[in-house]
Protein backbone atom coordinates (compact mmCIF):
# COMPACT_ATOMS: atom_id res chain seq x y z
CA MET A 1 5.20 102.46 74.89
CA LYS A 2 1.37 104.24 75.89
CA LYS A 3 -0.12 100.88 73.87
CA TYR A 4 2.03 98.64 75.16
CA ALA A 5 1.58 99.83 78.96
CA ALA A 6 -2.03 99.94 78.32
CA TYR A 7 -2.07 96.06 76.97
CA ILE A 8 -0.21 94.70 80.01
CA SER A 9 -2.21 96.50 82.25
CA LEU A 10 -5.40 95.24 80.56
CA VAL A 11 -3.40 91.43 80.87
CA LEU A 12 -2.39 91.91 84.35
CA ALA A 13 -6.19 93.11 85.51
CA LEU A 14 -7.66 89.96 83.88
CA LEU A 15 -5.38 87.35 85.15
CA SER A 16 -5.59 89.26 88.74
CA CYS A 17 -9.62 88.41 88.55
CA ILE A 18 -8.83 85.00 87.18
CA SER A 19 -6.46 84.25 89.96
CA CYS A 20 -8.79 85.37 92.50
CA GLY A 21 -10.93 82.42 92.00
CA GLN A 22 -14.06 83.67 93.00
CA ASP A 23 -17.25 83.94 90.86
CA TYR A 24 -19.24 87.35 91.53
CA SER A 25 -22.11 85.65 89.39
CA PRO A 26 -25.80 86.98 91.19
CA LYS A 27 -27.42 84.24 93.42
CA PRO A 28 -30.88 82.97 92.70
CA ARG A 29 -33.28 84.68 95.54
CA GLY A 30 -33.88 81.86 98.21
CA TYR A 31 -36.50 81.56 101.27
CA PHE A 32 -35.68 81.02 105.00
CA ARG A 33 -35.52 77.11 106.24
CA ILE A 34 -38.98 76.71 107.99
CA SER A 35 -38.30 74.35 111.02
CA PHE A 36 -42.04 72.98 111.80
CA PRO A 37 -42.82 72.01 115.41
CA THR A 38 -44.24 68.56 116.65
CA LYS A 39 -47.85 68.03 115.53
CA SER A 40 -49.40 67.79 119.61
CA TYR A 41 -53.26 69.43 120.02
CA GLN A 42 -55.11 70.65 122.89
CA THR A 43 -59.02 71.22 123.41
CA TYR A 44 -61.19 74.38 123.39
CA ASN A 45 -63.85 74.00 125.74
CA GLN A 46 -65.00 77.60 126.42
CA SER A 47 -68.19 79.23 126.78
CA CYS A 48 -69.38 79.48 123.29
CA PRO A 49 -72.02 76.19 122.03
CA PHE A 50 -69.09 74.28 120.27
CA SER A 51 -65.43 72.50 121.25
CA PHE A 52 -62.95 71.42 118.76
CA ASP A 53 -58.91 70.56 118.95
CA TYR A 54 -55.95 73.19 117.81
CA PRO A 55 -52.38 72.71 118.25
CA THR A 56 -50.41 73.57 121.09
CA TYR A 57 -48.54 75.69 119.24
CA ALA A 58 -51.34 78.21 118.37
CA GLN A 59 -53.25 80.40 120.50
CA ILE A 60 -56.79 81.26 120.66
CA GLU A 61 -57.25 85.14 120.27
CA PRO A 62 -60.65 86.97 120.75
CA ASP A 63 -61.67 88.54 117.60
CA SER A 64 -60.97 92.35 118.47
CA SER A 65 -62.52 93.86 114.72
CA ARG A 66 -65.17 96.65 115.95
CA ASP A 67 -67.89 94.36 114.87
CA ALA A 68 -66.93 91.11 116.28
CA LYS A 69 -69.86 89.17 118.02
CA PRO A 70 -69.59 86.61 120.97
CA CYS A 71 -67.45 83.53 119.98
CA TRP A 72 -65.41 85.08 117.02
CA MET A 73 -61.94 84.01 117.34
CA ASN A 74 -58.28 83.64 115.80
CA VAL A 75 -56.42 80.29 116.10
CA TYR A 76 -53.39 82.45 115.72
CA PHE A 77 -49.92 80.60 114.79
CA PRO A 78 -47.26 83.29 115.93
CA GLN A 79 -44.43 81.19 114.29
CA PHE A 80 -45.94 81.22 110.94
CA LYS A 81 -48.06 84.71 110.74
CA GLY A 82 -51.59 83.04 110.32
CA ARG A 83 -54.76 82.45 111.52
CA ILE A 84 -57.85 80.86 111.25
CA HIS A 85 -60.50 83.14 111.68
CA ILE A 86 -63.84 81.55 113.42
CA SER A 87 -66.93 83.04 113.62
CA TYR A 88 -69.91 82.17 114.91
CA GLN A 89 -73.61 82.58 114.89
CA ALA A 90 -77.01 81.62 116.08
CA VAL A 91 -79.65 80.49 113.57
CA THR A 92 -82.92 81.85 114.27
CA SER A 93 -84.76 81.23 110.95
CA ASN A 94 -84.29 78.98 107.67
CA LYS A 95 -84.10 82.57 106.16
CA VAL A 96 -81.02 83.23 108.12
CA PHE A 97 -79.54 79.96 107.39
CA ASP A 98 -79.88 80.17 103.79
CA GLU A 99 -78.02 83.88 104.12
CA LEU A 100 -75.47 82.21 106.58
CA ILE A 101 -74.48 79.64 103.68
CA GLU A 102 -75.18 82.22 100.90
CA ASP A 103 -72.59 84.58 102.33
CA ALA A 104 -69.95 81.88 102.72
CA ARG A 105 -70.12 80.54 99.58
CA LYS A 106 -69.92 84.13 97.88
CA LEU A 107 -66.42 84.61 100.62
CA ALA A 108 -65.29 82.08 99.02
CA PHE A 109 -65.75 82.79 95.38
CA LYS A 110 -65.15 86.41 95.88
CA HIS A 111 -61.14 84.85 95.48
CA THR A 112 -61.96 84.15 91.91
CA VAL A 113 -60.09 87.23 90.59
CA LYS A 114 -56.89 85.99 91.72
CA ALA A 115 -57.59 82.01 92.30
CA THR A 116 -56.62 79.25 89.70
CA GLY A 117 -59.30 77.00 91.02
CA ILE A 118 -61.70 76.70 93.87
CA ASN A 119 -62.81 73.11 95.31
CA GLU A 120 -65.82 72.17 97.34
CA GLY A 121 -65.67 69.11 99.85
CA ARG A 122 -68.48 68.03 101.43
CA ILE A 123 -68.12 68.14 105.41
CA TYR A 124 -70.37 64.87 106.81
CA TYR A 125 -70.16 63.90 110.75
CA PRO A 126 -74.06 62.72 110.95
CA ASP A 127 -73.24 61.11 114.60
CA ARG A 128 -71.91 64.55 115.73
CA LYS A 129 -74.50 66.46 113.70
CA VAL A 130 -71.87 68.54 111.79
CA TYR A 131 -71.84 68.79 108.42
CA GLY A 132 -70.92 72.04 105.90
CA ILE A 133 -68.37 72.57 102.55
CA TYR A 134 -64.73 73.22 102.76
CA TYR A 135 -63.68 75.48 100.21
CA THR A 136 -60.07 75.03 98.87
CA ILE A 137 -58.95 78.32 96.97
CA GLU A 138 -55.80 77.28 94.30
CA GLY A 139 -53.51 79.98 93.61
CA ASN A 140 -52.26 83.53 95.20
CA THR A 141 -54.94 84.70 97.01
CA ALA A 142 -55.32 86.01 100.40
CA SER A 143 -57.46 82.97 101.62
CA SER A 144 -56.54 79.32 100.85
CA ALA A 145 -59.12 77.66 103.02
CA GLN A 146 -62.44 78.58 104.07
CA PHE A 147 -65.46 76.44 105.58
CA PHE A 148 -68.35 76.67 107.74
CA LEU A 149 -69.77 74.20 109.88
CA THR A 150 -73.44 73.71 110.90
CA ASP A 151 -75.68 71.66 112.75
CA SER A 152 -78.40 72.44 110.07
CA THR A 153 -80.70 73.68 112.95
CA LYS A 154 -79.14 76.18 115.38
CA ASN A 155 -75.95 76.92 114.83
CA TYR A 156 -73.14 78.28 112.54
CA VAL A 157 -69.90 78.41 112.35
CA ARG A 158 -67.51 79.82 109.82
CA GLY A 159 -63.87 79.44 109.25
CA ALA A 160 -60.65 81.27 106.83
CA LEU A 161 -57.37 80.65 106.79
CA TYR A 162 -55.27 83.87 106.10
CA PHE A 163 -51.21 84.55 106.47
CA ASN A 164 -50.14 87.82 107.32
CA GLU A 165 -47.61 87.68 104.20
CA ALA A 166 -47.96 88.81 100.47
CA PRO A 167 -49.98 86.16 98.68
CA LYS A 168 -47.20 84.12 97.03
CA LEU A 169 -48.50 80.34 96.82
CA ASP A 170 -44.54 79.14 96.04
CA SER A 171 -43.19 80.92 99.44
CA ILE A 172 -46.14 79.78 101.62
CA GLN A 173 -46.90 76.42 99.98
CA PRO A 174 -44.92 74.38 102.92
CA VAL A 175 -46.27 75.96 105.94
CA LEU A 176 -49.86 76.02 104.07
CA ASP A 177 -49.57 72.20 103.82
CA PHE A 178 -48.62 71.98 107.17
CA VAL A 179 -51.56 74.63 108.65
CA LYS A 180 -53.91 72.52 106.68
CA LYS A 181 -53.63 69.51 108.38
CA ASP A 182 -54.35 71.23 111.49
CA LEU A 183 -57.03 72.61 109.83
CA ASP A 184 -58.07 68.89 109.22
CA VAL A 185 -58.19 68.02 112.79
CA PHE A 186 -59.94 71.09 114.17
CA ILE A 187 -62.72 70.06 111.46
CA LYS A 188 -62.83 66.12 112.40
CA SER A 189 -62.78 67.15 115.73
CA PHE A 190 -65.45 69.57 115.71
CA HIS A 191 -68.56 68.94 118.47
CA TRP A 192 -71.29 70.74 119.14
CA LYS A 193 -72.46 71.35 122.77
CA GLY A 194 -75.63 69.90 124.02
């Protein structure tokens, strides 16, 4: 009798689970829906020896690090927790110029440990005397894009794109693609003053 009672209880328990009609399998991990703002730009034209266009949904913040110099700043994207760090350096000699170019290369290739590839693109706007190299860094790295701009005689600007998130390319890729278009506008609109 106890066997039949146990058997009937087991059958009833199974039937009650089936009759609920709910699937209790675990759901796959998902990501938040990202709403992108409409692209529009404004011009940065302060006391630094350069100007550029940046998005209206971004903010210019002075660099607050201890070793920051004048005209070091961040183009901050609060909605995406990202920033383009900009640093300016006056070029005083050919030796300083060569050191700055080499530093930019070293800082970009520092990511080779995690990068799946690093591509270099030439920036060349002779009508505005804006020259440089754009580094596209692929993979789960801290910075996905870095560049430097120079007039090849007196001025040098270096930039790097960072997000305040763990570097998981599959989760930040849509935001990265969106912000890289803003970075392209930054570079294409860049002018030296004077």
